[in-house]
């Protein structure tokens, strides 16, 4: 699946997008796999309360299923202005 990173998440990880082979069943499991890769991922995902996630372009929670998912995106909360 494609994993996209936006704003400071992208800056910490160092890439805007990557293709990930995963056995994760939920977004939370995917995050744990990513955090175990390298310190830069651990830093980006250290505080999940500071992140939002979208699965196939639909906002969701970290307990969302990844069954059949093509894209997961991580980004900080957006503010209006």
C-alpha atoms as a PDB file:
ATOM      1  CA  UNK A   1       0.000   0.000   0.000  1.00  0.00           C
ATOM      2  CA  UNK A   2       1.051   3.611  -0.421  1.00  0.00           C
ATOM      3  CA  UNK A   3       1.801   5.554   2.745  1.00  0.00           C
ATOM      4  CA  UNK A   4       1.779   9.349   2.477  1.00  0.00           C
ATOM      5  CA  UNK A   5       3.261  11.826   4.949  1.00  0.00           C
ATOM      6  CA  UNK A   6       2.351  15.518   5.143  1.00  0.00           C
ATOM      7  CA  UNK A   7       3.736  18.648   6.854  1.00  0.00           C
ATOM      8  CA  UNK A   8       6.080  17.994   9.800  1.00  0.00           C
ATOM      9  CA  UNK A   9       5.481  14.227   9.543  1.00  0.00           C
ATOM     10  CA  UNK A  10       7.064  14.312   6.073  1.00  0.00           C
ATOM     11  CA  UNK A  11       9.899  16.486   7.373  1.00  0.00           C
ATOM     12  CA  UNK A  12      10.736  14.065  10.191  1.00  0.00           C
ATOM     13  CA  UNK A  13      10.568  10.950   8.039  1.00  0.00           C
ATOM     14  CA  UNK A  14      12.259  12.556   5.046  1.00  0.00           C
ATOM     15  CA  UNK A  15       9.990  11.325   2.241  1.00  0.00           C
ATOM     16  CA  UNK A  16       6.519  12.395   1.102  1.00  0.00           C
ATOM     17  CA  UNK A  17       5.381   8.908   0.043  1.00  0.00           C
ATOM     18  CA  UNK A  18       6.498   5.294   0.066  1.00  0.00           C
ATOM     19  CA  UNK A  19       5.118   1.889  -0.800  1.00  0.00           C
ATOM     20  CA  UNK A  20       4.982  -0.395   2.223  1.00  0.00           C
ATOM     21  CA  UNK A  21       4.520  -4.157   2.365  1.00  0.00           C
ATOM     22  CA  UNK A  22       2.811  -4.844   5.656  1.00  0.00           C
ATOM     23  CA  UNK A  23       1.067  -7.582   7.549  1.00  0.00           C
ATOM     24  CA  UNK A  24      -0.672  -4.997   9.756  1.00  0.00           C
ATOM     25  CA  UNK A  25      -4.402  -5.443  10.231  1.00  0.00           C
ATOM     26  CA  UNK A  26      -5.054  -1.903  11.550  1.00  0.00           C
ATOM     27  CA  UNK A  27      -3.566   1.559  11.187  1.00  0.00           C
ATOM     28  CA  UNK A  28      -2.208   1.270  14.745  1.00  0.00           C
ATOM     29  CA  UNK A  29      -0.347  -1.937  13.828  1.00  0.00           C
ATOM     30  CA  UNK A  30       1.068  -0.215  10.735  1.00  0.00           C
ATOM     31  CA  UNK A  31       2.308   2.644  12.924  1.00  0.00           C
ATOM     32  CA  UNK A  32       4.034   0.150  15.232  1.00  0.00           C
ATOM     33  CA  UNK A  33       5.742  -1.485  12.242  1.00  0.00           C
ATOM     34  CA  UNK A  34       6.889   1.896  10.950  1.00  0.00           C
ATOM     35  CA  UNK A  35       8.144   3.016  14.378  1.00  0.00           C
ATOM     36  CA  UNK A  36      10.278  -0.139  14.604  1.00  0.00           C
ATOM     37  CA  UNK A  37      12.018   0.657  11.294  1.00  0.00           C
ATOM     38  CA  UNK A  38      14.183   3.603  12.296  1.00  0.00           C
ATOM     39  CA  UNK A  39      14.433   6.433  14.804  1.00  0.00           C
ATOM     40  CA  UNK A  40      13.039   8.960  12.325  1.00  0.00           C
ATOM     41  CA  UNK A  41       9.759   6.999  12.181  1.00  0.00           C
ATOM     42  CA  UNK A  42       9.701   6.608  15.965  1.00  0.00           C
ATOM     43  CA  UNK A  43      10.100  10.386  16.291  1.00  0.00           C
ATOM     44  CA  UNK A  44       7.350  11.121  13.770  1.00  0.00           C
ATOM     45  CA  UNK A  45       4.887   8.755  15.466  1.00  0.00           C
ATOM     46  CA  UNK A  46       5.881   9.424  19.087  1.00  0.00           C
ATOM     47  CA  UNK A  47       2.638  11.251  19.920  1.00  0.00           C
ATOM     48  CA  UNK A  48      -0.348   9.882  18.016  1.00  0.00           C
ATOM     49  CA  UNK A  49      -2.629  12.468  19.603  1.00  0.00           C
ATOM     50  CA  UNK A  50      -0.800  15.031  17.437  1.00  0.00           C
ATOM     51  CA  UNK A  51      -1.641  13.135  14.242  1.00  0.00           C
ATOM     52  CA  UNK A  52      -4.616  12.452  12.044  1.00  0.00           C
ATOM     53  CA  UNK A  53      -4.965   9.584   9.601  1.00  0.00           C
ATOM     54  CA  UNK A  54      -6.892   9.029   6.404  1.00  0.00           C
ATOM     55  CA  UNK A  55      -7.468   5.636   4.793  1.00  0.00           C
ATOM     56  CA  UNK A  56      -8.215   5.771   1.071  1.00  0.00           C
ATOM     57  CA  UNK A  57      -8.811   9.526   1.476  1.00  0.00           C
ATOM     58  CA  UNK A  58     -11.359   9.143   4.306  1.00  0.00           C
ATOM     59  CA  UNK A  59     -10.562  10.465   7.776  1.00  0.00           C
ATOM     60  CA  UNK A  60     -10.572   7.651  10.302  1.00  0.00           C
ATOM     61  CA  UNK A  61      -9.156   6.440  13.615  1.00  0.00           C
ATOM     62  CA  UNK A  62      -5.984   4.508  14.306  1.00  0.00           C
ATOM     63  CA  UNK A  63      -8.016   1.357  15.008  1.00  0.00           C
ATOM     64  CA  UNK A  64      -9.330   1.337  11.420  1.00  0.00           C
ATOM     65  CA  UNK A  65      -8.933  -1.854   9.416  1.00  0.00           C
ATOM     66  CA  UNK A  66      -6.420  -2.001   6.574  1.00  0.00           C
ATOM     67  CA  UNK A  67      -8.254  -4.794   4.763  1.00  0.00           C
ATOM     68  CA  UNK A  68      -8.258  -3.893   1.070  1.00  0.00           C
ATOM     69  CA  UNK A  69      -6.771  -0.439   1.694  1.00  0.00           C
ATOM     70  CA  UNK A  70      -4.638   1.122  -1.056  1.00  0.00           C
ATOM     71  CA  UNK A  71      -3.503   4.324   0.677  1.00  0.00           C
ATOM     72  CA  UNK A  72      -2.873   5.573   4.213  1.00  0.00           C
ATOM     73  CA  UNK A  73      -1.997   9.220   4.880  1.00  0.00           C
ATOM     74  CA  UNK A  74      -0.629  10.741   8.086  1.00  0.00           C
ATOM     75  CA  UNK A  75      -0.778  14.467   8.839  1.00  0.00           C
ATOM     76  CA  UNK A  76      -1.078  16.915  11.726  1.00  0.00           C
ATOM     77  CA  UNK A  77      -4.492  18.381  12.559  1.00  0.00           C
ATOM     78  CA  UNK A  78      -5.386  21.285  10.314  1.00  0.00           C
ATOM     79  CA  UNK A  79      -6.575  24.624  11.622  1.00  0.00           C
ATOM     80  CA  UNK A  80      -8.841  27.029   9.827  1.00  0.00           C
ATOM     81  CA  UNK A  81      -7.876  30.509   8.888  1.00  0.00           C
END
